[in-house]
Amino acid sequence: MPAALFSSPAAAGALAASSWRCRLGVGGDRLLDTTAQAISIEGRRLSFSVASKHSAALPILKDCSLRVPAGQLWMLLGLNGCGKSTLLKRPIQTLSGGQKQRVAIAGALAEACKVLLLDELTTFLDEYDQLGVIKAVKNCVSSNGEVAALWVTHRLEELKYADGAFYMENGRIVTHGDVPSIIDFLKQKQANYIEHFNL
């Protein structure tokens, strides 16, 4: 079963695609809750550090675990630099900017991949093309129920197209759930932040 990995060229210091693939669970497993859907993407207790000249290894990912059911699009959200792109890093060698993104998604969809790992896929696209790519991925995932997608982004406006999301901070997944739960979490986080500075 083919897996597609695409990453923005700007992502740095990340796991090699081969490292991720050997930690990726594909098919067969079941969720631990009552829905009992097949899992197409699974990462268990992933950790990653980079060597530093001036101190001990710098942790980027810290014991991250996630599961994406088949037939669903989940997003991995977080601020830039929190570690989300480290999960999916793979350099792109051809074309530039938005062309790379459009060719990458078209190739994955044409190959009928069962797993799509999409890292900041809309970064170099204008607003119209961003919406087109998101809708194409969502349609692919929803149409046959066998494809699962994990979409890495920091753009909250993309969240409304997801079935669920994970939220990362400082290399850790701090929460996950359906879109309304994640939106509530982010609103509360924002309110706490504003309250902290209004004291």
Protein backbone atom coordinates (compact mmCIF):
# COMPACT_ATOMS: atom_id res chain seq x y z
CA MET A 1 0.00 0.00 0.00
CA PRO A 2 1.77 3.21 -1.12
CA ALA A 3 2.25 6.11 1.27
CA ALA A 4 2.83 9.66 0.11
CA LEU A 5 4.99 12.10 2.05
CA PHE A 6 5.23 15.74 1.02
CA SER A 7 6.89 18.55 2.89
CA SER A 8 7.50 22.22 2.50
CA PRO A 9 11.06 23.04 1.48
CA ALA A 10 11.29 25.41 4.45
CA ALA A 11 10.98 22.71 7.11
CA ALA A 12 14.32 21.97 8.79
CA GLY A 13 16.02 19.50 11.15
CA ALA A 14 13.51 16.73 10.66
CA LEU A 15 13.23 12.96 10.59
CA ALA A 16 14.13 11.26 7.34
CA ALA A 17 11.12 9.88 5.47
CA SER A 18 12.47 6.35 5.93
CA SER A 19 12.57 6.84 9.73
CA TRP A 20 8.94 7.92 9.75
CA ARG A 21 7.79 5.11 7.49
CA CYS A 22 9.26 2.41 9.72
CA ARG A 23 7.33 3.90 12.66
CA LEU A 24 4.10 4.25 10.68
CA GLY A 25 1.31 1.76 11.37
CA VAL A 26 -0.80 1.07 8.28
CA GLY A 27 -4.11 -0.78 8.39
CA GLY A 28 -5.19 -3.63 10.61
CA ASP A 29 -5.12 -1.84 13.98
CA ARG A 30 -8.32 -0.70 15.67
CA LEU A 31 -9.07 2.41 17.70
CA LEU A 32 -9.20 1.90 21.45
CA ASP A 33 -12.60 3.62 21.69
CA THR A 34 -16.05 2.37 20.78
CA THR A 35 -15.94 3.45 17.12
CA ALA A 36 -13.58 0.58 16.18
CA GLN A 37 -12.59 2.11 12.82
CA ALA A 38 -9.52 0.86 10.95
CA ILE A 39 -6.40 2.95 11.57
CA SER A 40 -4.48 4.02 8.48
CA ILE A 41 -1.91 6.30 10.13
CA GLU A 42 -0.40 5.60 13.51
CA GLY A 43 2.65 7.01 15.23
CA ARG A 44 3.56 5.70 18.68
CA ARG A 45 5.74 7.49 21.21
CA LEU A 46 7.80 9.32 18.57
CA SER A 47 10.75 11.29 19.90
CA PHE A 48 13.50 13.10 18.02
CA SER A 49 16.44 15.27 19.09
CA VAL A 50 19.16 17.13 17.23
CA ALA A 51 22.76 17.42 18.32
CA SER A 52 23.94 20.78 19.59
CA LYS A 53 27.50 22.10 19.75
CA HIS A 54 26.86 24.05 22.95
CA SER A 55 24.69 21.73 25.03
CA ALA A 56 23.07 18.33 25.25
CA ALA A 57 20.80 17.16 22.46
CA LEU A 58 17.90 19.51 21.72
CA PRO A 59 14.56 17.66 21.83
CA ILE A 60 12.22 18.45 18.93
CA LEU A 61 9.57 15.72 19.35
CA LYS A 62 8.74 14.43 22.82
CA ASP A 63 6.85 11.14 23.09
CA CYS A 64 4.24 11.98 20.42
CA SER A 65 1.51 9.48 19.58
CA LEU A 66 -1.32 9.87 17.08
CA ARG A 67 -3.87 7.83 15.14
CA VAL A 68 -5.86 8.77 12.03
CA PRO A 69 -8.79 6.54 11.03
CA ALA A 70 -9.20 5.41 7.42
CA GLY A 71 -11.52 7.66 5.45
CA GLN A 72 -10.77 10.77 7.51
CA LEU A 73 -8.70 13.95 7.18
CA TRP A 74 -7.05 15.05 10.43
CA MET A 75 -4.89 18.14 10.85
CA LEU A 76 -1.79 18.59 12.97
CA LEU A 77 -1.87 22.16 14.27
CA GLY A 78 0.63 24.25 16.16
CA LEU A 79 2.70 27.39 16.04
CA ASN A 80 5.71 27.51 13.73
CA GLY A 81 8.66 25.80 15.38
CA CYS A 82 6.62 23.53 17.69
CA GLY A 83 7.80 20.32 15.95
CA LYS A 84 4.91 19.44 13.65
CA SER A 85 6.90 19.48 10.38
CA THR A 86 9.56 17.28 11.97
CA LEU A 87 7.09 14.39 11.72
CA LEU A 88 6.85 14.59 7.92
CA LYS A 89 10.10 16.10 6.60
CA ARG A 90 11.04 15.12 3.10
CA PRO A 91 12.86 17.45 0.65
CA ILE A 92 11.25 18.25 -2.71
CA GLN A 93 13.75 18.43 -5.56
CA THR A 94 11.78 19.64 -8.57
CA LEU A 95 9.88 22.74 -9.63
CA SER A 96 9.22 25.65 -7.33
CA GLY A 97 6.68 26.91 -4.86
CA GLY A 98 3.05 26.32 -5.70
CA GLN A 99 3.93 24.11 -8.68
CA LYS A 100 5.60 21.61 -6.34
CA GLN A 101 2.55 21.51 -4.15
CA ARG A 102 0.09 21.00 -7.01
CA VAL A 103 2.21 18.32 -8.69
CA ALA A 104 2.74 16.51 -5.38
CA ILE A 105 -0.94 16.27 -4.52
CA ALA A 106 -1.90 15.35 -8.09
CA GLY A 107 0.68 12.54 -8.08
CA ALA A 108 -0.53 11.15 -4.76
CA LEU A 109 -4.15 11.21 -5.87
CA ALA A 110 -3.30 9.62 -9.24
CA GLU A 111 -1.39 6.77 -7.54
CA ALA A 112 -4.38 5.98 -5.34
CA CYS A 113 -2.31 6.19 -2.15
CA LYS A 114 -4.05 4.99 1.00
CA VAL A 115 -2.05 7.30 3.29
CA LEU A 116 -1.37 10.99 2.65
CA LEU A 117 1.06 12.87 4.92
CA LEU A 118 0.79 16.51 3.84
CA ASP A 119 3.09 19.14 5.35
CA GLU A 120 2.11 22.81 4.92
CA LEU A 121 0.80 21.87 1.48
CA THR A 122 -0.84 25.23 0.78
CA THR A 123 2.15 27.37 1.79
CA PHE A 124 3.03 28.68 -1.68
CA LEU A 125 -0.49 28.82 -3.08
CA ASP A 126 -2.83 31.77 -3.46
CA GLU A 127 -6.16 31.67 -1.60
CA TYR A 128 -8.10 30.21 -4.54
CA ASP A 129 -5.59 27.37 -5.06
CA GLN A 130 -5.41 26.72 -1.29
CA LEU A 131 -9.13 26.06 -1.20
CA GLY A 132 -8.93 23.86 -4.31
CA VAL A 133 -6.18 21.68 -2.82
CA ILE A 134 -7.96 21.29 0.53
CA LYS A 135 -11.22 20.36 -1.20
CA ALA A 136 -9.42 17.86 -3.48
CA VAL A 137 -7.80 16.13 -0.50
CA LYS A 138 -11.06 16.14 1.47
CA ASN A 139 -12.94 14.71 -1.54
CA CYS A 140 -10.30 11.98 -2.03
CA VAL A 141 -10.48 11.00 1.64
CA SER A 142 -14.28 11.11 1.85
CA SER A 143 -15.08 9.44 -1.47
CA ASN A 144 -14.02 5.86 -0.78
CA GLY A 145 -13.43 5.61 2.96
CA GLU A 146 -10.03 3.90 2.56
CA VAL A 147 -7.69 6.90 2.33
CA ALA A 148 -6.48 8.65 5.50
CA ALA A 149 -4.74 12.03 5.49
CA LEU A 150 -2.72 13.90 8.10
CA TRP A 151 -2.45 17.57 7.10
CA VAL A 152 0.18 19.64 8.94
CA THR A 153 -0.67 23.34 9.16
CA HIS A 154 -0.55 26.45 11.31
CA ARG A 155 -3.48 28.02 9.41
CA LEU A 156 -6.55 27.74 11.60
CA GLU A 157 -8.86 28.62 8.69
CA GLU A 158 -8.03 25.20 7.17
CA LEU A 159 -9.34 23.40 10.26
CA LYS A 160 -12.99 23.59 9.16
CA TYR A 161 -12.26 21.03 6.42
CA ALA A 162 -10.90 18.42 8.85
CA ASP A 163 -12.65 15.55 10.59
CA GLY A 164 -10.43 16.04 13.64
CA ALA A 165 -7.12 17.53 14.72
CA PHE A 166 -4.11 17.19 16.98
CA TYR A 167 -2.60 20.30 18.62
CA MET A 168 1.14 20.49 19.34
CA GLU A 169 3.20 22.70 21.64
CA ASN A 170 6.90 22.41 22.35
CA GLY A 171 7.24 19.08 20.55
CA ARG A 172 4.28 17.42 22.31
CA ILE A 173 0.73 16.67 21.25
CA VAL A 174 -1.23 18.38 24.03
CA THR A 175 -4.76 17.61 22.84
CA HIS A 176 -6.73 15.99 20.04
CA GLY A 177 -10.35 15.61 19.06
CA ASP A 178 -13.09 16.64 16.68
CA VAL A 179 -13.03 20.12 15.14
CA PRO A 180 -15.48 21.79 17.59
CA SER A 181 -13.44 20.47 20.56
CA ILE A 182 -10.19 21.79 19.08
CA ILE A 183 -11.75 25.18 18.30
CA ASP A 184 -13.04 25.41 21.90
CA PHE A 185 -9.57 24.48 23.19
CA LEU A 186 -7.93 27.17 21.05
CA LYS A 187 -10.47 29.83 22.10
CA GLN A 188 -9.87 29.00 25.77
CA LYS A 189 -6.11 29.10 25.21
CA GLN A 190 -6.45 32.53 23.58
CA ALA A 191 -8.69 33.80 26.41
CA ASN A 192 -6.17 32.61 29.02
CA TYR A 193 -3.36 34.33 27.14
CA ILE A 194 -5.28 37.63 26.93
CA GLU A 195 -6.30 37.41 30.59
CA HIS A 196 -2.67 36.84 31.60
CA PHE A 197 -1.63 40.14 30.00
CA ASN A 198 -4.66 42.09 31.26
CA LEU A 199 -3.85 41.40 34.92
